[in-house]
Amino acid sequence: MPFPTIQTKQLQLIELKEEHLPALFEQYSNPEAMQYWDGFPHKDLADTKKLLDHLIERDKTGTSIWWGIELRQSGELIGSMGYNRYAANGLAVIGYMLNQKYWHQGLMTEALTAFIKFGFEELKVHRIEAHVTPGNVLSEKLLLKLGFMNEGLLREREFFKGAYQSLIIYGKLVSDK
């Protein structure tokens, strides 16, 4: 099956490839953007290549899928998003990041709207979750705007960046449309 492309008015969600490494590095090397991510800012292109290879390998399993977020007009890659895991008639867990130059322009709202619709209609998932690190207010506001519900805090749920981290769970059901 060919990699699915998703189009919106201003954006196109595309397959991530090695040619996207410089744009991905810009995204993943930004300390402010990585503040709430489960890893440290990338130090060099080798870090980003390792992540890209990991995402591509996971996509091959059919239980994960990651897209690049591209501006349709210029073809510039400005972010990435994906289903870290998903199962038809089951659960999907999402992640997303936008290059800081494009924050506060409504682009992630546009991308996530199409991305969520794809999850419910094409991947046939029943529930979509986002795990948000406390303090990531922008992500929380975005999820609420898109109809997700704050379902609570999971104390010290994951171990990353050298410590146990709590996560806020946001969920949206197919019936919540």
C-alpha atoms as a PDB file:
ATOM      1  CA  MET A   1       0.000   0.000   0.000  1.00  0.00           C
ATOM      2  CA  PRO A   2       1.427   3.428  -0.893  1.00  0.00           C
ATOM      3  CA  PHE A   3       2.116   5.836   1.946  1.00  0.00           C
ATOM      4  CA  PRO A   4      -1.040   7.919   2.548  1.00  0.00           C
ATOM      5  CA  THR A   5      -0.774  11.654   1.876  1.00  0.00           C
ATOM      6  CA  ILE A   6      -3.222  13.951   3.643  1.00  0.00           C
ATOM      7  CA  GLN A   7      -3.984  17.389   2.218  1.00  0.00           C
ATOM      8  CA  THR A   8      -5.502  20.433   3.862  1.00  0.00           C
ATOM      9  CA  LYS A   9      -5.955  23.970   2.608  1.00  0.00           C
ATOM     10  CA  GLN A  10      -2.380  25.042   3.447  1.00  0.00           C
ATOM     11  CA  LEU A  11      -0.624  21.799   4.310  1.00  0.00           C
ATOM     12  CA  GLN A  12       0.246  18.372   3.092  1.00  0.00           C
ATOM     13  CA  LEU A  13       1.123  15.480   5.382  1.00  0.00           C
ATOM     14  CA  ILE A  14       3.772  13.461   3.582  1.00  0.00           C
ATOM     15  CA  GLU A  15       6.053  10.461   4.035  1.00  0.00           C
ATOM     16  CA  LEU A  16       9.224  11.342   5.915  1.00  0.00           C
ATOM     17  CA  LYS A  17      12.413  10.691   3.965  1.00  0.00           C
ATOM     18  CA  GLU A  18      16.131  11.227   4.401  1.00  0.00           C
ATOM     19  CA  GLU A  19      15.925  14.445   2.366  1.00  0.00           C
ATOM     20  CA  HIS A  20      13.946  15.926   5.270  1.00  0.00           C
ATOM     21  CA  LEU A  21      16.810  15.533   7.762  1.00  0.00           C
ATOM     22  CA  PRO A  22      17.880  19.226   7.811  1.00  0.00           C
ATOM     23  CA  ALA A  23      14.317  20.430   8.485  1.00  0.00           C
ATOM     24  CA  LEU A  24      13.750  17.707  11.086  1.00  0.00           C
ATOM     25  CA  PHE A  25      17.046  18.590  12.759  1.00  0.00           C
ATOM     26  CA  GLU A  26      15.956  22.223  13.012  1.00  0.00           C
ATOM     27  CA  GLN A  27      12.767  21.049  14.699  1.00  0.00           C
ATOM     28  CA  TYR A  28      14.308  18.478  17.064  1.00  0.00           C
ATOM     29  CA  SER A  29      17.383  20.515  18.010  1.00  0.00           C
ATOM     30  CA  ASN A  30      15.323  23.403  19.384  1.00  0.00           C
ATOM     31  CA  PRO A  31      15.508  23.294  23.222  1.00  0.00           C
ATOM     32  CA  GLU A  32      12.197  25.137  23.642  1.00  0.00           C
ATOM     33  CA  ALA A  33      10.343  22.797  21.275  1.00  0.00           C
ATOM     34  CA  MET A  34      11.925  19.751  22.938  1.00  0.00           C
ATOM     35  CA  GLN A  35      11.177  20.944  26.475  1.00  0.00           C
ATOM     36  CA  TYR A  36       8.127  18.680  26.772  1.00  0.00           C
ATOM     37  CA  TRP A  37       9.308  15.890  24.469  1.00  0.00           C
ATOM     38  CA  ASP A  38      10.537  12.562  25.822  1.00  0.00           C
ATOM     39  CA  GLY A  39      14.077  13.142  24.591  1.00  0.00           C
ATOM     40  CA  PHE A  40      16.787  15.736  24.666  1.00  0.00           C
ATOM     41  CA  PRO A  41      17.392  18.274  21.870  1.00  0.00           C
ATOM     42  CA  HIS A  42      19.365  16.741  19.017  1.00  0.00           C
ATOM     43  CA  LYS A  43      23.047  17.699  18.962  1.00  0.00           C
ATOM     44  CA  ASP A  44      23.699  16.835  15.316  1.00  0.00           C
ATOM     45  CA  LEU A  45      22.182  15.328  12.181  1.00  0.00           C
ATOM     46  CA  ALA A  46      23.222  11.858  13.359  1.00  0.00           C
ATOM     47  CA  ASP A  47      20.737  12.134  16.257  1.00  0.00           C
ATOM     48  CA  THR A  48      17.987  13.104  13.840  1.00  0.00           C
ATOM     49  CA  LYS A  49      18.927  10.355  11.381  1.00  0.00           C
ATOM     50  CA  LYS A  50      18.667   7.802  14.191  1.00  0.00           C
ATOM     51  CA  LEU A  51      15.165   9.076  15.032  1.00  0.00           C
ATOM     52  CA  LEU A  52      14.085   9.108  11.375  1.00  0.00           C
ATOM     53  CA  ASP A  53      15.371   5.555  10.847  1.00  0.00           C
ATOM     54  CA  HIS A  54      13.464   4.471  13.966  1.00  0.00           C
ATOM     55  CA  LEU A  55      10.223   6.088  12.754  1.00  0.00           C
ATOM     56  CA  ILE A  56      10.550   4.568   9.280  1.00  0.00           C
ATOM     57  CA  GLU A  57      11.249   1.120  10.749  1.00  0.00           C
ATOM     58  CA  ARG A  58       8.210   1.386  13.032  1.00  0.00           C
ATOM     59  CA  ASP A  59       6.044   2.459  10.082  1.00  0.00           C
ATOM     60  CA  LYS A  60       6.946  -0.806   8.344  1.00  0.00           C
ATOM     61  CA  THR A  61       5.311  -2.795  11.156  1.00  0.00           C
ATOM     62  CA  GLY A  62       1.891  -1.328  10.309  1.00  0.00           C
ATOM     63  CA  THR A  63       1.251  -0.269  13.905  1.00  0.00           C
ATOM     64  CA  SER A  64       2.878   3.176  13.717  1.00  0.00           C
ATOM     65  CA  ILE A  65       2.821   5.904  11.088  1.00  0.00           C
ATOM     66  CA  TRP A  66       4.584   9.292  11.025  1.00  0.00           C
ATOM     67  CA  TRP A  67       4.161  12.130   8.551  1.00  0.00           C
ATOM     68  CA  GLY A  68       6.080  15.260   7.772  1.00  0.00           C
ATOM     69  CA  ILE A  69       4.028  18.455   7.797  1.00  0.00           C
ATOM     70  CA  GLU A  70       4.752  20.378   4.620  1.00  0.00           C
ATOM     71  CA  LEU A  71       3.561  23.781   3.440  1.00  0.00           C
ATOM     72  CA  ARG A  72       1.747  23.088   0.165  1.00  0.00           C
ATOM     73  CA  GLN A  73       2.735  26.370  -1.443  1.00  0.00           C
ATOM     74  CA  SER A  74       6.494  26.177  -0.810  1.00  0.00           C
ATOM     75  CA  GLY A  75       7.087  22.474  -0.091  1.00  0.00           C
ATOM     76  CA  GLU A  76       8.915  23.405   3.131  1.00  0.00           C
ATOM     77  CA  LEU A  77       8.813  20.777   5.875  1.00  0.00           C
ATOM     78  CA  ILE A  78       7.684  22.556   9.052  1.00  0.00           C
ATOM     79  CA  GLY A  79       6.889  19.745  11.476  1.00  0.00           C
ATOM     80  CA  SER A  80       6.018  16.130  12.027  1.00  0.00           C
ATOM     81  CA  MET A  81       3.197  14.130  13.549  1.00  0.00           C
ATOM     82  CA  GLY A  82       2.209  10.570  13.898  1.00  0.00           C
ATOM     83  CA  TYR A  83       0.405   7.708  15.473  1.00  0.00           C
ATOM     84  CA  ASN A  84       2.989   6.155  17.797  1.00  0.00           C
ATOM     85  CA  ARG A  85       0.769   3.112  17.780  1.00  0.00           C
ATOM     86  CA  TYR A  86      -2.705   2.325  16.526  1.00  0.00           C
ATOM     87  CA  ALA A  87      -5.062  -0.581  16.110  1.00  0.00           C
ATOM     88  CA  ALA A  88      -8.293  -0.781  14.122  1.00  0.00           C
ATOM     89  CA  ASN A  89     -11.282  -0.700  16.482  1.00  0.00           C
ATOM     90  CA  GLY A  90      -8.847   0.142  19.262  1.00  0.00           C
ATOM     91  CA  LEU A  91      -6.500   2.770  20.619  1.00  0.00           C
ATOM     92  CA  ALA A  92      -4.215   5.246  18.886  1.00  0.00           C
ATOM     93  CA  VAL A  93      -1.577   7.350  20.661  1.00  0.00           C
ATOM     94  CA  ILE A  94      -0.455  10.505  18.877  1.00  0.00           C
ATOM     95  CA  GLY A  95       2.543  12.802  18.935  1.00  0.00           C
ATOM     96  CA  TYR A  96       3.241  16.018  17.078  1.00  0.00           C
ATOM     97  CA  MET A  97       5.732  18.860  16.832  1.00  0.00           C
ATOM     98  CA  LEU A  98       5.916  22.029  14.798  1.00  0.00           C
ATOM     99  CA  ASN A  99       8.966  24.123  13.999  1.00  0.00           C
ATOM    100  CA  GLN A 100       8.854  27.079  16.398  1.00  0.00           C
ATOM    101  CA  LYS A 101       8.871  29.558  13.488  1.00  0.00           C
ATOM    102  CA  TYR A 102       5.307  28.407  12.715  1.00  0.00           C
ATOM    103  CA  TRP A 103       3.769  28.437  16.195  1.00  0.00           C
ATOM    104  CA  HIS A 104       0.620  30.526  16.799  1.00  0.00           C
ATOM    105  CA  GLN A 105      -0.470  30.527  13.147  1.00  0.00           C
ATOM    106  CA  GLY A 106      -3.218  27.879  13.303  1.00  0.00           C
ATOM    107  CA  LEU A 107      -1.178  25.401  11.263  1.00  0.00           C
ATOM    108  CA  MET A 108      -1.066  22.650  13.882  1.00  0.00           C
ATOM    109  CA  THR A 109      -4.829  22.994  14.375  1.00  0.00           C
ATOM    110  CA  GLU A 110      -5.274  22.518  10.629  1.00  0.00           C
ATOM    111  CA  ALA A 111      -2.882  19.554  10.501  1.00  0.00           C
ATOM    112  CA  LEU A 112      -4.307  17.800  13.568  1.00  0.00           C
ATOM    113  CA  THR A 113      -7.890  18.218  12.367  1.00  0.00           C
ATOM    114  CA  ALA A 114      -7.131  16.293   9.166  1.00  0.00           C
ATOM    115  CA  PHE A 115      -4.842  13.856  10.986  1.00  0.00           C
ATOM    116  CA  ILE A 116      -7.533  12.966  13.556  1.00  0.00           C
ATOM    117  CA  LYS A 117     -10.168  12.565  10.836  1.00  0.00           C
ATOM    118  CA  PHE A 118      -7.790  10.189   9.021  1.00  0.00           C
ATOM    119  CA  GLY A 119      -7.334   8.177  12.212  1.00  0.00           C
ATOM    120  CA  PHE A 120     -11.050   7.699  12.760  1.00  0.00           C
ATOM    121  CA  GLU A 121     -12.109   7.265   9.124  1.00  0.00           C
ATOM    122  CA  GLU A 122      -9.159   5.505   7.476  1.00  0.00           C
ATOM    123  CA  LEU A 123      -7.301   3.739  10.281  1.00  0.00           C
ATOM    124  CA  LYS A 124     -10.654   2.956  11.918  1.00  0.00           C
ATOM    125  CA  VAL A 125      -9.418   3.630  15.451  1.00  0.00           C
ATOM    126  CA  HIS A 126     -11.979   3.969  18.216  1.00  0.00           C
ATOM    127  CA  ARG A 127     -10.008   6.187  20.603  1.00  0.00           C
ATOM    128  CA  ILE A 128      -7.170   8.676  20.153  1.00  0.00           C
ATOM    129  CA  GLU A 129      -4.982   9.650  23.091  1.00  0.00           C
ATOM    130  CA  ALA A 130      -2.363  12.332  23.556  1.00  0.00           C
ATOM    131  CA  HIS A 131       0.044  12.138  26.505  1.00  0.00           C
ATOM    132  CA  VAL A 132       1.011  15.666  27.544  1.00  0.00           C
ATOM    133  CA  THR A 133       3.825  16.573  29.920  1.00  0.00           C
ATOM    134  CA  PRO A 134       2.534  18.952  32.628  1.00  0.00           C
ATOM    135  CA  GLY A 135       3.399  22.536  31.772  1.00  0.00           C
ATOM    136  CA  ASN A 136       2.833  22.118  28.029  1.00  0.00           C
ATOM    137  CA  VAL A 137      -0.058  24.575  28.087  1.00  0.00           C
ATOM    138  CA  LEU A 138      -0.050  25.199  24.326  1.00  0.00           C
ATOM    139  CA  SER A 139      -0.589  21.517  23.590  1.00  0.00           C
ATOM    140  CA  GLU A 140      -3.312  21.258  26.234  1.00  0.00           C
ATOM    141  CA  LYS A 141      -5.201  24.234  24.771  1.00  0.00           C
ATOM    142  CA  LEU A 142      -4.888  22.791  21.281  1.00  0.00           C
ATOM    143  CA  LEU A 143      -6.254  19.395  22.295  1.00  0.00           C
ATOM    144  CA  LEU A 144      -9.201  20.942  24.141  1.00  0.00           C
ATOM    145  CA  LYS A 145      -9.949  23.090  21.080  1.00  0.00           C
ATOM    146  CA  LEU A 146     -10.058  19.909  18.977  1.00  0.00           C
ATOM    147  CA  GLY A 147     -12.567  18.196  21.266  1.00  0.00           C
ATOM    148  CA  PHE A 148     -10.242  16.099  23.417  1.00  0.00           C
ATOM    149  CA  MET A 149     -11.079  15.651  27.073  1.00  0.00           C
ATOM    150  CA  ASN A 150      -8.590  15.957  29.915  1.00  0.00           C
ATOM    151  CA  GLU A 151      -8.925  12.543  31.526  1.00  0.00           C
ATOM    152  CA  GLY A 152      -6.460  13.039  34.337  1.00  0.00           C
ATOM    153  CA  LEU A 153      -2.897  12.898  35.512  1.00  0.00           C
ATOM    154  CA  LEU A 154      -0.867   9.704  35.491  1.00  0.00           C
ATOM    155  CA  ARG A 155       1.742  10.298  38.166  1.00  0.00           C
ATOM    156  CA  GLU A 156       5.297   9.330  37.232  1.00  0.00           C
ATOM    157  CA  ARG A 157       3.992   7.325  34.256  1.00  0.00           C
ATOM    158  CA  GLU A 158       7.118   7.339  32.065  1.00  0.00           C
ATOM    159  CA  PHE A 159      10.860   7.452  32.669  1.00  0.00           C
ATOM    160  CA  PHE A 160      12.682   9.891  30.405  1.00  0.00           C
ATOM    161  CA  LYS A 161      15.273  12.645  30.688  1.00  0.00           C
ATOM    162  CA  GLY A 162      16.690  10.847  33.716  1.00  0.00           C
ATOM    163  CA  ALA A 163      13.568  10.953  35.895  1.00  0.00           C
ATOM    164  CA  TYR A 164      10.040   9.660  36.221  1.00  0.00           C
ATOM    165  CA  GLN A 165       7.643  12.039  34.470  1.00  0.00           C
ATOM    166  CA  SER A 166       3.953  12.512  35.019  1.00  0.00           C
ATOM    167  CA  LEU A 167       1.661  12.720  32.002  1.00  0.00           C
ATOM    168  CA  ILE A 168      -1.757  14.237  31.464  1.00  0.00           C
ATOM    169  CA  ILE A 169      -3.960  12.004  29.338  1.00  0.00           C
ATOM    170  CA  TYR A 170      -6.221  13.610  26.742  1.00  0.00           C
ATOM    171  CA  GLY A 171      -8.668  11.388  24.921  1.00  0.00           C
ATOM    172  CA  LYS A 172     -11.124  11.620  22.069  1.00  0.00           C
ATOM    173  CA  LEU A 173     -13.519   8.888  20.975  1.00  0.00           C
ATOM    174  CA  VAL A 174     -14.846   8.363  17.460  1.00  0.00           C
ATOM    175  CA  SER A 175     -18.296   9.170  18.920  1.00  0.00           C
ATOM    176  CA  ASP A 176     -17.063  12.539  20.249  1.00  0.00           C
ATOM    177  CA  LYS A 177     -17.178  14.139  16.817  1.00  0.00           C
END
